[in-house]
Amino acid sequence: RGAAARGRGMGVGRGRGGGGGGGGGRAASPRTTAMAPRIALALALAVACLGAGAAADEEAARALPRLPQQFAAKVTTIAHLVDRSKEYPPWRKVMHVRFDAVNKLASAQIEEGHDAGKLFIRRYDEKWEYAVRGGKYPGCERAYLSEEMPEAALPGALAFQGIVDIDGVRCEHWAASAIFSNWHVYVTEDGHVPRRVVDVFPDGTAEGEKVMTYEFEDVQLGPQDAADFALPEPYTHKTCERQIGGFPYIHAFLHFIRF
């Protein structure tokens, strides 16, 4: 006991400070030191979860875009896999589209690219379709249209990706995937007007390989004038030559809008 008393009197401490009786901060235990990285990791995960939660809340707050059922637009399509150094087949097409799913009417005036100079009219209301040729060899063909007008709709599994700027317009970027395609859909933030859709083949790289792009410009929403779907003079239904088998689909916004 006397030795212990002498030890205390000489300043032999009990582990405070640097081991002397002079005090200072309490030294961290080995257990606390070992847990520090785990605590930091847990805090980082918590922050990340909060950020992900905020992003999920933002996505949930945004309504899924829906394609307009009545509109007119200038549509430009780009085939990325076509050799641009060759004249044929053309890699670009420009067409003026009128679409009215309510009244079951659609048309496409091809301005540039494959079928340039042709006017395609689909009268799903009357079960007839027409292809009118202009230029040096004008003519008109008609075919029976037995199918119903395809629905204009985006895939239901779209996921919000963020806001991007397209030609000075704020657009929402949405994405969906299929087995051999990744689809990137861009609609205006104000009004969800279609602006662009890109079909990408998932080739194993981060960006994938672009296959097709469809661009919408000069979009005018609303009902279309029925007179704009009439045959141009001098053609009538009877004077158009009967064609068996019909005409190929017009894809205006990938296969999401086709007729």
C-alpha atoms as a PDB file:
ATOM      1  CA  ARG A   1       0.000   0.000   0.000  1.00  0.00           C
ATOM      2  CA  GLY A   2       2.858   2.379   0.788  1.00  0.00           C
ATOM      3  CA  ALA A   3       4.389   1.756  -2.648  1.00  0.00           C
ATOM      4  CA  ALA A   4       1.088   2.429  -4.309  1.00  0.00           C
ATOM      5  CA  ALA A   5       0.732   5.650  -2.393  1.00  0.00           C
ATOM      6  CA  ARG A   6       4.193   6.668  -3.419  1.00  0.00           C
ATOM      7  CA  GLY A   7       3.312   5.890  -7.042  1.00  0.00           C
ATOM      8  CA  ARG A   8       0.301   8.166  -6.900  1.00  0.00           C
ATOM      9  CA  GLY A   9       2.327  10.840  -5.240  1.00  0.00           C
ATOM     10  CA  MET A  10       4.984  10.691  -7.943  1.00  0.00           C
ATOM     11  CA  GLY A  11       2.364  11.329 -10.623  1.00  0.00           C
ATOM     12  CA  VAL A  12       1.842   7.811 -11.917  1.00  0.00           C
ATOM     13  CA  GLY A  13      -1.591   8.144 -13.537  1.00  0.00           C
ATOM     14  CA  ARG A  14      -4.380   5.790 -14.527  1.00  0.00           C
ATOM     15  CA  GLY A  15      -4.200   6.082 -18.274  1.00  0.00           C
ATOM     16  CA  ARG A  16      -5.315   9.739 -18.694  1.00  0.00           C
ATOM     17  CA  GLY A  17      -3.380  11.962 -21.035  1.00  0.00           C
ATOM     18  CA  GLY A  18      -0.049  10.687 -22.143  1.00  0.00           C
ATOM     19  CA  GLY A  19       0.259   8.373 -19.144  1.00  0.00           C
ATOM     20  CA  GLY A  20       1.326  11.018 -16.655  1.00  0.00           C
ATOM     21  CA  GLY A  21      -0.758  12.588 -13.998  1.00  0.00           C
ATOM     22  CA  GLY A  22      -0.732  15.888 -15.898  1.00  0.00           C
ATOM     23  CA  GLY A  23      -4.073  15.140 -17.717  1.00  0.00           C
ATOM     24  CA  GLY A  24      -4.928  15.950 -21.391  1.00  0.00           C
ATOM     25  CA  GLY A  25      -7.580  14.358 -23.713  1.00  0.00           C
ATOM     26  CA  ARG A  26      -8.620  10.777 -23.308  1.00  0.00           C
ATOM     27  CA  ALA A  27      -6.855   8.528 -25.842  1.00  0.00           C
ATOM     28  CA  ALA A  28      -9.078   6.563 -28.244  1.00  0.00           C
ATOM     29  CA  SER A  29      -9.312   2.887 -27.508  1.00  0.00           C
ATOM     30  CA  PRO A  30      -8.126   0.401 -30.150  1.00  0.00           C
ATOM     31  CA  ARG A  31     -11.740  -0.739 -30.600  1.00  0.00           C
ATOM     32  CA  THR A  32     -12.956   2.794 -31.369  1.00  0.00           C
ATOM     33  CA  THR A  33     -10.104   3.341 -33.824  1.00  0.00           C
ATOM     34  CA  ALA A  34     -10.947   0.129 -35.654  1.00  0.00           C
ATOM     35  CA  MET A  35     -14.632   1.078 -35.995  1.00  0.00           C
ATOM     36  CA  ALA A  36     -13.947   4.544 -37.440  1.00  0.00           C
ATOM     37  CA  PRO A  37     -13.852   3.411 -41.116  1.00  0.00           C
ATOM     38  CA  ARG A  38     -17.097   1.487 -40.626  1.00  0.00           C
ATOM     39  CA  ILE A  39     -18.802   4.517 -39.147  1.00  0.00           C
ATOM     40  CA  ALA A  40     -17.612   6.683 -42.057  1.00  0.00           C
ATOM     41  CA  LEU A  41     -18.886   4.104 -44.553  1.00  0.00           C
ATOM     42  CA  ALA A  42     -22.268   3.954 -42.830  1.00  0.00           C
ATOM     43  CA  LEU A  43     -22.563   7.736 -42.954  1.00  0.00           C
ATOM     44  CA  ALA A  44     -21.646   7.769 -46.655  1.00  0.00           C
ATOM     45  CA  LEU A  45     -24.277   5.105 -47.391  1.00  0.00           C
ATOM     46  CA  ALA A  46     -26.874   7.077 -45.470  1.00  0.00           C
ATOM     47  CA  VAL A  47     -26.125  10.201 -47.508  1.00  0.00           C
ATOM     48  CA  ALA A  48     -26.298   8.208 -50.745  1.00  0.00           C
ATOM     49  CA  CYS A  49     -29.635   6.708 -49.740  1.00  0.00           C
ATOM     50  CA  LEU A  50     -31.003  10.142 -48.988  1.00  0.00           C
ATOM     51  CA  GLY A  51     -29.858  11.344 -52.422  1.00  0.00           C
ATOM     52  CA  ALA A  52     -31.388   8.323 -54.136  1.00  0.00           C
ATOM     53  CA  GLY A  53     -34.586   8.864 -52.208  1.00  0.00           C
ATOM     54  CA  ALA A  54     -34.736  12.467 -53.375  1.00  0.00           C
ATOM     55  CA  ALA A  55     -34.197  11.388 -56.994  1.00  0.00           C
ATOM     56  CA  ALA A  56     -36.907   8.754 -56.638  1.00  0.00           C
ATOM     57  CA  ASP A  57     -39.266  11.339 -55.211  1.00  0.00           C
ATOM     58  CA  GLU A  58     -38.530  13.632 -58.181  1.00  0.00           C
ATOM     59  CA  GLU A  59     -39.228  10.830 -60.640  1.00  0.00           C
ATOM     60  CA  ALA A  60     -42.441   9.893 -58.843  1.00  0.00           C
ATOM     61  CA  ALA A  61     -43.561  13.526 -58.942  1.00  0.00           C
ATOM     62  CA  ARG A  62     -43.168  13.638 -62.742  1.00  0.00           C
ATOM     63  CA  ALA A  63     -46.043  12.268 -64.745  1.00  0.00           C
ATOM     64  CA  LEU A  64     -45.169   9.732 -67.398  1.00  0.00           C
ATOM     65  CA  PRO A  65     -45.242  11.358 -70.842  1.00  0.00           C
ATOM     66  CA  ARG A  66     -48.057  10.457 -73.207  1.00  0.00           C
ATOM     67  CA  LEU A  67     -47.959  10.860 -76.953  1.00  0.00           C
ATOM     68  CA  PRO A  68     -50.367  13.367 -78.499  1.00  0.00           C
ATOM     69  CA  GLN A  69     -53.260  11.804 -80.388  1.00  0.00           C
ATOM     70  CA  GLN A  70     -53.781  14.760 -82.753  1.00  0.00           C
ATOM     71  CA  PHE A  71     -50.906  16.748 -84.226  1.00  0.00           C
ATOM     72  CA  ALA A  72     -48.999  17.922 -87.274  1.00  0.00           C
ATOM     73  CA  ALA A  73     -45.191  17.939 -87.353  1.00  0.00           C
ATOM     74  CA  LYS A  74     -42.089  17.939 -89.488  1.00  0.00           C
ATOM     75  CA  VAL A  75     -40.301  14.652 -88.849  1.00  0.00           C
ATOM     76  CA  THR A  76     -36.656  13.929 -89.678  1.00  0.00           C
ATOM     77  CA  THR A  77     -35.340  10.389 -89.414  1.00  0.00           C
ATOM     78  CA  ILE A  78     -31.666   9.414 -89.362  1.00  0.00           C
ATOM     79  CA  ALA A  79     -30.448   5.881 -90.064  1.00  0.00           C
ATOM     80  CA  HIS A  80     -27.103   5.761 -88.277  1.00  0.00           C
ATOM     81  CA  LEU A  81     -25.953   2.432 -89.714  1.00  0.00           C
ATOM     82  CA  VAL A  82     -26.309   3.504 -93.362  1.00  0.00           C
ATOM     83  CA  ASP A  83     -23.118   4.514 -95.174  1.00  0.00           C
ATOM     84  CA  ARG A  84     -23.387   8.273 -95.676  1.00  0.00           C
ATOM     85  CA  SER A  85     -20.719   8.274 -98.364  1.00  0.00           C
ATOM     86  CA  LYS A  86     -23.101   6.474-100.734  1.00  0.00           C
ATOM     87  CA  GLU A  87     -26.084   8.032-102.430  1.00  0.00           C
ATOM     88  CA  TYR A  88     -28.294   4.997-101.942  1.00  0.00           C
ATOM     89  CA  PRO A  89     -29.850   3.959 -99.694  1.00  0.00           C
ATOM     90  CA  PRO A  90     -30.478   7.410 -98.187  1.00  0.00           C
ATOM     91  CA  TRP A  91     -29.573   7.767 -94.519  1.00  0.00           C
ATOM     92  CA  ARG A  92     -31.947  10.673 -93.902  1.00  0.00           C
ATOM     93  CA  LYS A  93     -35.655  11.201 -94.493  1.00  0.00           C
ATOM     94  CA  VAL A  94     -37.759  14.333 -94.014  1.00  0.00           C
ATOM     95  CA  MET A  95     -41.552  14.152 -94.000  1.00  0.00           C
ATOM     96  CA  HIS A  96     -44.521  16.250 -92.988  1.00  0.00           C
ATOM     97  CA  VAL A  97     -46.883  14.208 -90.870  1.00  0.00           C
ATOM     98  CA  ARG A  98     -50.512  14.762 -89.951  1.00  0.00           C
ATOM     99  CA  PHE A  99     -51.938  12.432 -87.338  1.00  0.00           C
ATOM    100  CA  ASP A 100     -55.427  12.197 -85.864  1.00  0.00           C
ATOM    101  CA  ALA A 101     -56.067   9.060 -83.852  1.00  0.00           C
ATOM    102  CA  VAL A 102     -59.423  10.385 -82.669  1.00  0.00           C
ATOM    103  CA  ASN A 103     -60.813  10.483 -86.206  1.00  0.00           C
ATOM    104  CA  LYS A 104     -58.590   7.643 -87.478  1.00  0.00           C
ATOM    105  CA  LEU A 105     -56.683   9.686 -90.073  1.00  0.00           C
ATOM    106  CA  ALA A 106     -52.988   9.958 -90.924  1.00  0.00           C
ATOM    107  CA  SER A 107     -50.805  11.198 -93.763  1.00  0.00           C
ATOM    108  CA  ALA A 108     -47.149  11.716 -94.609  1.00  0.00           C
ATOM    109  CA  GLN A 109     -45.759  13.935 -97.357  1.00  0.00           C
ATOM    110  CA  ILE A 110     -42.209  12.733 -98.062  1.00  0.00           C
ATOM    111  CA  GLU A 111     -39.950  15.688 -98.770  1.00  0.00           C
ATOM    112  CA  GLU A 112     -36.512  14.046 -98.750  1.00  0.00           C
ATOM    113  CA  GLY A 113     -35.067  10.539 -98.715  1.00  0.00           C
ATOM    114  CA  HIS A 114     -36.668   7.243 -99.707  1.00  0.00           C
ATOM    115  CA  ASP A 115     -40.047   7.772-101.417  1.00  0.00           C
ATOM    116  CA  ALA A 116     -39.356  11.500-101.839  1.00  0.00           C
ATOM    117  CA  GLY A 117     -42.223  13.182-103.661  1.00  0.00           C
ATOM    118  CA  LYS A 118     -44.850  10.701-102.479  1.00  0.00           C
ATOM    119  CA  LEU A 119     -47.907  11.436-100.377  1.00  0.00           C
ATOM    120  CA  PHE A 120     -49.248   8.593 -98.229  1.00  0.00           C
ATOM    121  CA  ILE A 121     -52.782   8.891 -96.886  1.00  0.00           C
ATOM    122  CA  ARG A 122     -54.256   6.407 -94.405  1.00  0.00           C
ATOM    123  CA  ARG A 123     -58.032   6.559 -94.041  1.00  0.00           C
ATOM    124  CA  TYR A 124     -58.642   4.067 -91.261  1.00  0.00           C
ATOM    125  CA  ASP A 125     -62.119   5.545 -90.938  1.00  0.00           C
ATOM    126  CA  GLU A 126     -62.965   4.405 -94.483  1.00  0.00           C
ATOM    127  CA  LYS A 127     -60.663   1.353 -94.626  1.00  0.00           C
ATOM    128  CA  TRP A 128     -58.629   2.702 -97.561  1.00  0.00           C
ATOM    129  CA  GLU A 129     -55.059   3.896 -98.022  1.00  0.00           C
ATOM    130  CA  TYR A 130     -53.489   5.825-100.890  1.00  0.00           C
ATOM    131  CA  ALA A 131     -50.037   6.490-102.321  1.00  0.00           C
ATOM    132  CA  VAL A 132     -49.837   9.507-104.609  1.00  0.00           C
ATOM    133  CA  ARG A 133     -46.730  10.036-106.748  1.00  0.00           C
ATOM    134  CA  GLY A 134     -45.591  13.400-108.034  1.00  0.00           C
ATOM    135  CA  GLY A 135     -42.699  14.380-110.283  1.00  0.00           C
ATOM    136  CA  LYS A 136     -42.045  13.056-113.776  1.00  0.00           C
ATOM    137  CA  TYR A 137     -44.170   9.945-113.358  1.00  0.00           C
ATOM    138  CA  PRO A 138     -47.254  11.008-111.408  1.00  0.00           C
ATOM    139  CA  GLY A 139     -49.908   8.538-110.379  1.00  0.00           C
ATOM    140  CA  CYS A 140     -52.127   7.286-107.593  1.00  0.00           C
ATOM    141  CA  GLU A 141     -52.628   3.856-106.057  1.00  0.00           C
ATOM    142  CA  ARG A 142     -55.180   2.665-103.539  1.00  0.00           C
ATOM    143  CA  ALA A 143     -55.378  -0.403-101.322  1.00  0.00           C
ATOM    144  CA  TYR A 144     -57.878  -1.844 -98.880  1.00  0.00           C
ATOM    145  CA  LEU A 145     -56.899  -1.095 -95.288  1.00  0.00           C
ATOM    146  CA  SER A 146     -58.157  -3.980 -93.191  1.00  0.00           C
ATOM    147  CA  GLU A 147     -56.365  -3.341 -89.897  1.00  0.00           C
ATOM    148  CA  GLU A 148     -57.250  -0.977 -87.076  1.00  0.00           C
ATOM    149  CA  MET A 149     -55.198   2.175 -86.609  1.00  0.00           C
ATOM    150  CA  PRO A 150     -52.158   1.304 -84.437  1.00  0.00           C
ATOM    151  CA  GLU A 151     -52.195   2.910 -81.013  1.00  0.00           C
ATOM    152  CA  ALA A 152     -49.801   5.799 -80.474  1.00  0.00           C
ATOM    153  CA  ALA A 153     -48.228   5.039 -77.108  1.00  0.00           C
ATOM    154  CA  LEU A 154     -44.892   4.969 -75.301  1.00  0.00           C
ATOM    155  CA  PRO A 155     -43.684   1.906 -73.357  1.00  0.00           C
ATOM    156  CA  GLY A 156     -44.980   1.788 -69.809  1.00  0.00           C
ATOM    157  CA  ALA A 157     -41.584   0.992 -68.295  1.00  0.00           C
ATOM    158  CA  LEU A 158     -40.085   4.430 -68.938  1.00  0.00           C
ATOM    159  CA  ALA A 159     -37.677   5.704 -66.281  1.00  0.00           C
ATOM    160  CA  PHE A 160     -36.866   9.382 -65.822  1.00  0.00           C
ATOM    161  CA  GLN A 161     -33.194  10.166 -66.559  1.00  0.00           C
ATOM    162  CA  GLY A 162     -32.995  13.931 -66.095  1.00  0.00           C
ATOM    163  CA  ILE A 163     -33.367  17.245 -67.901  1.00  0.00           C
ATOM    164  CA  VAL A 164     -31.421  18.016 -71.086  1.00  0.00           C
ATOM    165  CA  ASP A 165     -31.274  20.981 -73.440  1.00  0.00           C
ATOM    166  CA  ILE A 166     -32.248  20.382 -77.079  1.00  0.00           C
ATOM    167  CA  ASP A 167     -31.854  23.435 -79.278  1.00  0.00           C
ATOM    168  CA  GLY A 168     -32.489  25.731 -76.343  1.00  0.00           C
ATOM    169  CA  VAL A 169     -35.581  23.854 -75.098  1.00  0.00           C
ATOM    170  CA  ARG A 170     -35.655  22.090 -71.728  1.00  0.00           C
ATOM    171  CA  CYS A 171     -36.603  18.466 -72.332  1.00  0.00           C
ATOM    172  CA  GLU A 172     -37.226  15.492 -70.099  1.00  0.00           C
ATOM    173  CA  HIS A 173     -35.125  12.433 -70.901  1.00  0.00           C
ATOM    174  CA  TRP A 174     -36.875   9.096 -70.353  1.00  0.00           C
ATOM    175  CA  ALA A 175     -35.514   5.638 -71.116  1.00  0.00           C
ATOM    176  CA  ALA A 176     -36.763   2.077 -71.502  1.00  0.00           C
ATOM    177  CA  SER A 177     -35.184  -1.189 -72.604  1.00  0.00           C
ATOM    178  CA  ALA A 178     -36.091  -4.286 -74.564  1.00  0.00           C
ATOM    179  CA  ILE A 179     -34.037  -7.372 -75.436  1.00  0.00           C
ATOM    180  CA  PHE A 180     -32.174  -5.831 -78.367  1.00  0.00           C
ATOM    181  CA  SER A 181     -32.953  -2.136 -77.935  1.00  0.00           C
ATOM    182  CA  ASN A 182     -32.552   0.728 -75.531  1.00  0.00           C
ATOM    183  CA  TRP A 183     -34.956   3.579 -76.202  1.00  0.00           C
ATOM    184  CA  HIS A 184     -34.253   7.182 -75.243  1.00  0.00           C
ATOM    185  CA  VAL A 185     -37.316   9.422 -75.417  1.00  0.00           C
ATOM    186  CA  TYR A 186     -37.152  13.205 -75.152  1.00  0.00           C
ATOM    187  CA  VAL A 187     -40.242  15.340 -74.594  1.00  0.00           C
ATOM    188  CA  THR A 188     -40.495  19.016 -73.713  1.00  0.00           C
ATOM    189  CA  GLU A 189     -40.691  19.704 -70.001  1.00  0.00           C
ATOM    190  CA  ASP A 190     -43.545  22.080 -70.682  1.00  0.00           C
ATOM    191  CA  GLY A 191     -46.398  20.114 -72.214  1.00  0.00           C
ATOM    192  CA  HIS A 192     -44.614  16.816 -72.947  1.00  0.00           C
ATOM    193  CA  VAL A 193     -44.454  17.547 -76.671  1.00  0.00           C
ATOM    194  CA  PRO A 194     -42.407  14.862 -78.499  1.00  0.00           C
ATOM    195  CA  ARG A 195     -38.963  16.133 -79.476  1.00  0.00           C
ATOM    196  CA  ARG A 196     -36.716  13.152 -80.149  1.00  0.00           C
ATOM    197  CA  VAL A 197     -36.495   9.389 -79.805  1.00  0.00           C
ATOM    198  CA  VAL A 198     -33.293   7.372 -80.260  1.00  0.00           C
ATOM    199  CA  ASP A 199     -33.110   3.603 -80.765  1.00  0.00           C
ATOM    200  CA  VAL A 200     -29.815   2.218 -79.420  1.00  0.00           C
ATOM    201  CA  PHE A 201     -28.486  -1.322 -79.770  1.00  0.00           C
ATOM    202  CA  PRO A 202     -26.877  -2.533 -76.511  1.00  0.00           C
ATOM    203  CA  ASP A 203     -23.514  -3.674 -77.893  1.00  0.00           C
ATOM    204  CA  GLY A 204     -21.787  -3.996 -74.516  1.00  0.00           C
ATOM    205  CA  THR A 205     -20.376  -0.469 -74.405  1.00  0.00           C
ATOM    206  CA  ALA A 206     -21.594   2.253 -72.063  1.00  0.00           C
ATOM    207  CA  GLU A 207     -23.327   4.246 -74.801  1.00  0.00           C
ATOM    208  CA  GLY A 208     -24.353   1.435 -77.154  1.00  0.00           C
ATOM    209  CA  GLU A 209     -24.687   1.759 -80.923  1.00  0.00           C
ATOM    210  CA  LYS A 210     -27.235   4.218 -82.310  1.00  0.00           C
ATOM    211  CA  VAL A 211     -29.550   2.665 -84.862  1.00  0.00           C
ATOM    212  CA  MET A 212     -32.272   5.256 -85.577  1.00  0.00           C
ATOM    213  CA  THR A 213     -33.122   8.791 -84.497  1.00  0.00           C
ATOM    214  CA  TYR A 214     -36.456  10.542 -85.026  1.00  0.00           C
ATOM    215  CA  GLU A 215     -36.665  14.326 -84.606  1.00  0.00           C
ATOM    216  CA  PHE A 216     -39.900  16.317 -84.242  1.00  0.00           C
ATOM    217  CA  GLU A 217     -40.054  19.979 -85.281  1.00  0.00           C
ATOM    218  CA  ASP A 218     -42.789  22.570 -85.821  1.00  0.00           C
ATOM    219  CA  VAL A 219     -45.252  20.527 -83.800  1.00  0.00           C
ATOM    220  CA  GLN A 220     -48.851  21.760 -83.871  1.00  0.00           C
ATOM    221  CA  LEU A 221     -51.093  19.982 -81.401  1.00  0.00           C
ATOM    222  CA  GLY A 222     -54.834  19.632 -81.823  1.00  0.00           C
ATOM    223  CA  PRO A 223     -57.502  18.322 -84.201  1.00  0.00           C
ATOM    224  CA  GLN A 224     -56.609  18.159 -87.869  1.00  0.00           C
ATOM    225  CA  ASP A 225     -58.700  19.444 -90.747  1.00  0.00           C
ATOM    226  CA  ALA A 226     -60.354  16.524 -92.551  1.00  0.00           C
ATOM    227  CA  ALA A 227     -59.764  18.338 -95.860  1.00  0.00           C
ATOM    228  CA  ASP A 228     -56.007  17.792 -95.403  1.00  0.00           C
ATOM    229  CA  PHE A 229     -56.539  14.035 -95.797  1.00  0.00           C
ATOM    230  CA  ALA A 230     -58.415  14.290 -99.094  1.00  0.00           C
ATOM    231  CA  LEU A 231     -56.866  13.099-102.333  1.00  0.00           C
ATOM    232  CA  PRO A 232     -55.219  15.931-104.283  1.00  0.00           C
ATOM    233  CA  GLU A 233     -56.671  16.836-107.664  1.00  0.00           C
ATOM    234  CA  PRO A 234     -57.135  15.393-110.189  1.00  0.00           C
ATOM    235  CA  TYR A 235     -57.330  12.052-108.361  1.00  0.00           C
ATOM    236  CA  THR A 236     -60.404  10.372-106.963  1.00  0.00           C
ATOM    237  CA  HIS A 237     -60.880   7.038-105.283  1.00  0.00           C
ATOM    238  CA  LYS A 238     -62.012   5.454-108.551  1.00  0.00           C
ATOM    239  CA  THR A 239     -59.194   6.878-110.659  1.00  0.00           C
ATOM    240  CA  CYS A 240     -56.498   5.562-108.319  1.00  0.00           C
ATOM    241  CA  GLU A 241     -55.147   2.237-109.489  1.00  0.00           C
ATOM    242  CA  ARG A 242     -55.976  -0.748-107.290  1.00  0.00           C
ATOM    243  CA  GLN A 243     -52.948  -2.179-105.524  1.00  0.00           C
ATOM    244  CA  ILE A 244     -53.017  -5.551-103.783  1.00  0.00           C
ATOM    245  CA  GLY A 245     -51.220  -5.890-100.459  1.00  0.00           C
ATOM    246  CA  GLY A 246     -51.133  -2.304 -99.285  1.00  0.00           C
ATOM    247  CA  PHE A 247     -48.163  -0.093 -98.499  1.00  0.00           C
ATOM    248  CA  PRO A 248     -45.395  -0.240 -95.863  1.00  0.00           C
ATOM    249  CA  TYR A 249     -45.801   1.368 -92.465  1.00  0.00           C
ATOM    250  CA  ILE A 250     -44.783   4.973 -91.982  1.00  0.00           C
ATOM    251  CA  HIS A 251     -42.786   5.176 -88.744  1.00  0.00           C
ATOM    252  CA  ALA A 252     -43.022   8.719 -87.394  1.00  0.00           C
ATOM    253  CA  PHE A 253     -41.677   8.252 -83.850  1.00  0.00           C
ATOM    254  CA  LEU A 254     -39.960   4.877 -83.994  1.00  0.00           C
ATOM    255  CA  HIS A 255     -42.735   2.270 -83.700  1.00  0.00           C
ATOM    256  CA  PHE A 256     -44.457   4.303 -80.990  1.00  0.00           C
ATOM    257  CA  ILE A 257     -46.237   6.335 -83.695  1.00  0.00           C
ATOM    258  CA  ARG A 258     -46.741   4.398 -86.904  1.00  0.00           C
ATOM    259  CA  PHE A 259     -49.480   4.123 -89.492  1.00  0.00           C
END
